Amino acid sequence: MIEQSERLELAARLRELADHSSEAELRSSLSRSYYAIYHAARELGEIGFEEKIGHHNIAGFLGMIEPQIKESVEEFQRFRVQADYDETLVRRKFGENPELFRTEVMRQLEEGRLVFRRIILEIEKHRSRGV
């Protein structure tokens, strides 16, 4: 079992690894970015709310922190799953145009960065209060 501080450290390292450029790297970046958010949200759930966070409830939980995050995380989850498991994603959704795919990935990664930062701020707030 990963301890809270180790989970947060893992989340930060995953976030740093999430920026690359080939199609395979872009797909992998989405996954790493999502898992950075996931691990940070799990940390927040444990230290701030005594709530177990899983893939099924992460968006709803983060939406309680800040309502607009819920939709962002749901969209990010869907796109990450497609990127991980749908080999035809670029052809089917982006007309085999890797630049359109790259643009969407970069948009999603930036949104993921914002969500990640928001979670980290919330963690820091709870830790500073000794909660």
Protein backbone atom coordinates (compact mmCIF):
# COMPACT_ATOMS: atom_id res chain seq x y z
CA MET A 1 0.00 0.00 0.00
CA ILE A 2 1.33 3.44 -0.92
CA GLU A 3 1.63 5.85 1.98
CA GLN A 4 0.13 9.33 1.58
CA SER A 5 3.44 11.19 1.13
CA GLU A 6 4.68 8.57 -1.35
CA ARG A 7 1.42 8.84 -3.31
CA LEU A 8 1.76 12.60 -3.58
CA GLU A 9 5.40 12.27 -4.64
CA LEU A 10 4.34 9.74 -7.28
CA ALA A 11 1.62 12.11 -8.47
CA ALA A 12 4.15 14.94 -8.84
CA ARG A 13 6.59 12.72 -10.77
CA LEU A 14 3.82 11.50 -13.08
CA ARG A 15 2.82 15.11 -13.74
CA GLU A 16 6.41 15.98 -14.72
CA LEU A 17 6.63 13.03 -17.11
CA ALA A 18 3.41 13.93 -18.91
CA ASP A 19 4.87 16.22 -21.62
CA HIS A 20 6.12 14.53 -24.81
CA SER A 21 5.50 14.69 -28.56
CA SER A 22 5.12 11.48 -30.64
CA GLU A 23 1.64 9.95 -30.89
CA ALA A 24 2.63 7.16 -28.52
CA GLU A 25 4.19 9.67 -26.11
CA LEU A 26 1.12 11.90 -26.31
CA ARG A 27 -1.14 8.96 -25.51
CA SER A 28 1.12 8.01 -22.63
CA SER A 29 1.20 11.62 -21.43
CA LEU A 30 -2.58 11.62 -21.10
CA SER A 31 -2.40 8.50 -18.99
CA ARG A 32 0.37 9.83 -16.75
CA SER A 33 -1.42 13.15 -16.33
CA TYR A 34 -4.66 11.39 -15.41
CA TYR A 35 -2.90 9.19 -12.88
CA ALA A 36 -1.19 12.23 -11.36
CA ILE A 37 -4.65 13.71 -10.80
CA TYR A 38 -5.95 10.38 -9.53
CA HIS A 39 -3.20 9.91 -6.95
CA ALA A 40 -3.40 13.52 -5.79
CA ALA A 41 -7.19 13.21 -5.45
CA ARG A 42 -6.78 10.01 -3.43
CA GLU A 43 -4.40 11.85 -1.14
CA LEU A 44 -6.86 14.72 -0.73
CA GLY A 45 -9.72 12.31 -0.08
CA GLU A 46 -7.79 10.64 2.71
CA ILE A 47 -6.40 13.71 4.44
CA GLY A 48 -9.27 16.11 3.97
CA PHE A 49 -12.43 14.07 3.76
CA GLU A 50 -11.75 10.52 4.94
CA GLU A 51 -13.14 9.38 1.61
CA LYS A 52 -11.81 6.58 -0.60
CA ILE A 53 -11.36 7.89 -4.13
CA GLY A 54 -11.55 5.56 -7.11
CA HIS A 55 -11.95 5.95 -10.84
CA HIS A 56 -15.73 5.72 -10.42
CA ASN A 57 -16.04 8.68 -8.04
CA ILE A 58 -13.03 10.93 -8.70
CA ALA A 59 -14.94 13.46 -10.85
CA GLY A 60 -17.83 13.76 -8.40
CA PHE A 61 -15.46 14.11 -5.46
CA LEU A 62 -13.42 16.85 -7.14
CA GLY A 63 -16.66 18.53 -8.21
CA MET A 64 -17.51 18.93 -4.54
CA ILE A 65 -14.27 20.87 -4.12
CA GLU A 66 -14.88 23.03 -7.17
CA PRO A 67 -17.97 22.38 -9.35
CA GLN A 68 -16.43 23.10 -12.79
CA ILE A 69 -13.69 20.52 -12.17
CA LYS A 70 -16.23 17.67 -12.36
CA GLU A 71 -16.88 18.15 -16.08
CA SER A 72 -13.19 18.64 -16.85
CA VAL A 73 -12.22 15.43 -15.08
CA GLU A 74 -15.04 13.45 -16.71
CA GLU A 75 -13.93 14.64 -20.17
CA PHE A 76 -10.29 13.95 -19.32
CA GLN A 77 -11.14 10.43 -18.13
CA ARG A 78 -13.05 9.64 -21.33
CA PHE A 79 -10.27 10.94 -23.57
CA ARG A 80 -7.57 9.15 -21.56
CA VAL A 81 -9.42 5.83 -21.84
CA GLN A 82 -9.79 6.32 -25.60
CA ALA A 83 -6.11 7.18 -25.94
CA ASP A 84 -5.11 4.13 -23.87
CA TYR A 85 -7.37 1.56 -25.52
CA ASP A 86 -8.61 2.81 -28.91
CA GLU A 87 -5.92 2.20 -31.53
CA THR A 88 -8.11 3.90 -34.15
CA LEU A 89 -8.60 7.11 -32.14
CA VAL A 90 -6.44 9.42 -34.28
CA ARG A 91 -7.88 8.11 -37.56
CA ARG A 92 -11.46 7.91 -36.36
CA LYS A 93 -11.74 11.12 -34.34
CA PHE A 94 -9.10 13.32 -35.98
CA GLY A 95 -9.18 12.16 -39.61
CA GLU A 96 -5.64 10.78 -39.35
CA ASN A 97 -4.41 14.31 -38.68
CA PRO A 98 -1.75 14.01 -35.99
CA GLU A 99 -1.66 17.78 -35.48
CA LEU A 100 -5.35 17.88 -34.56
CA PHE A 101 -4.73 15.04 -32.14
CA ARG A 102 -1.69 16.84 -30.69
CA THR A 103 -3.72 20.05 -30.26
CA GLU A 104 -6.46 18.20 -28.38
CA VAL A 105 -3.95 16.34 -26.22
CA MET A 106 -2.18 19.58 -25.34
CA ARG A 107 -5.51 21.18 -24.45
CA GLN A 108 -6.40 18.24 -22.24
CA LEU A 109 -2.95 18.23 -20.62
CA GLU A 110 -3.22 21.93 -19.82
CA GLU A 111 -6.65 21.36 -18.28
CA GLY A 112 -5.13 18.46 -16.34
CA ARG A 113 -2.35 20.72 -15.07
CA LEU A 114 -4.94 23.17 -13.77
CA VAL A 115 -6.89 20.41 -12.04
CA PHE A 116 -3.71 18.96 -10.55
CA ARG A 117 -2.62 22.36 -9.23
CA ARG A 118 -6.06 22.92 -7.72
CA ILE A 119 -5.89 19.58 -5.91
CA ILE A 120 -2.39 20.36 -4.62
CA LEU A 121 -3.61 23.73 -3.29
CA GLU A 122 -6.44 21.97 -1.49
CA ILE A 123 -4.02 19.43 -0.01
CA GLU A 124 -1.74 22.21 1.20
CA LYS A 125 -4.70 24.04 2.70
CA HIS A 126 -5.76 20.96 4.66
CA ARG A 127 -2.21 20.23 5.80
CA SER A 128 -1.62 23.81 6.95
CA ARG A 129 -4.76 23.62 9.07
CA GLY A 130 -3.63 20.31 10.50
CA VAL A 131 -6.73 18.67 9.10
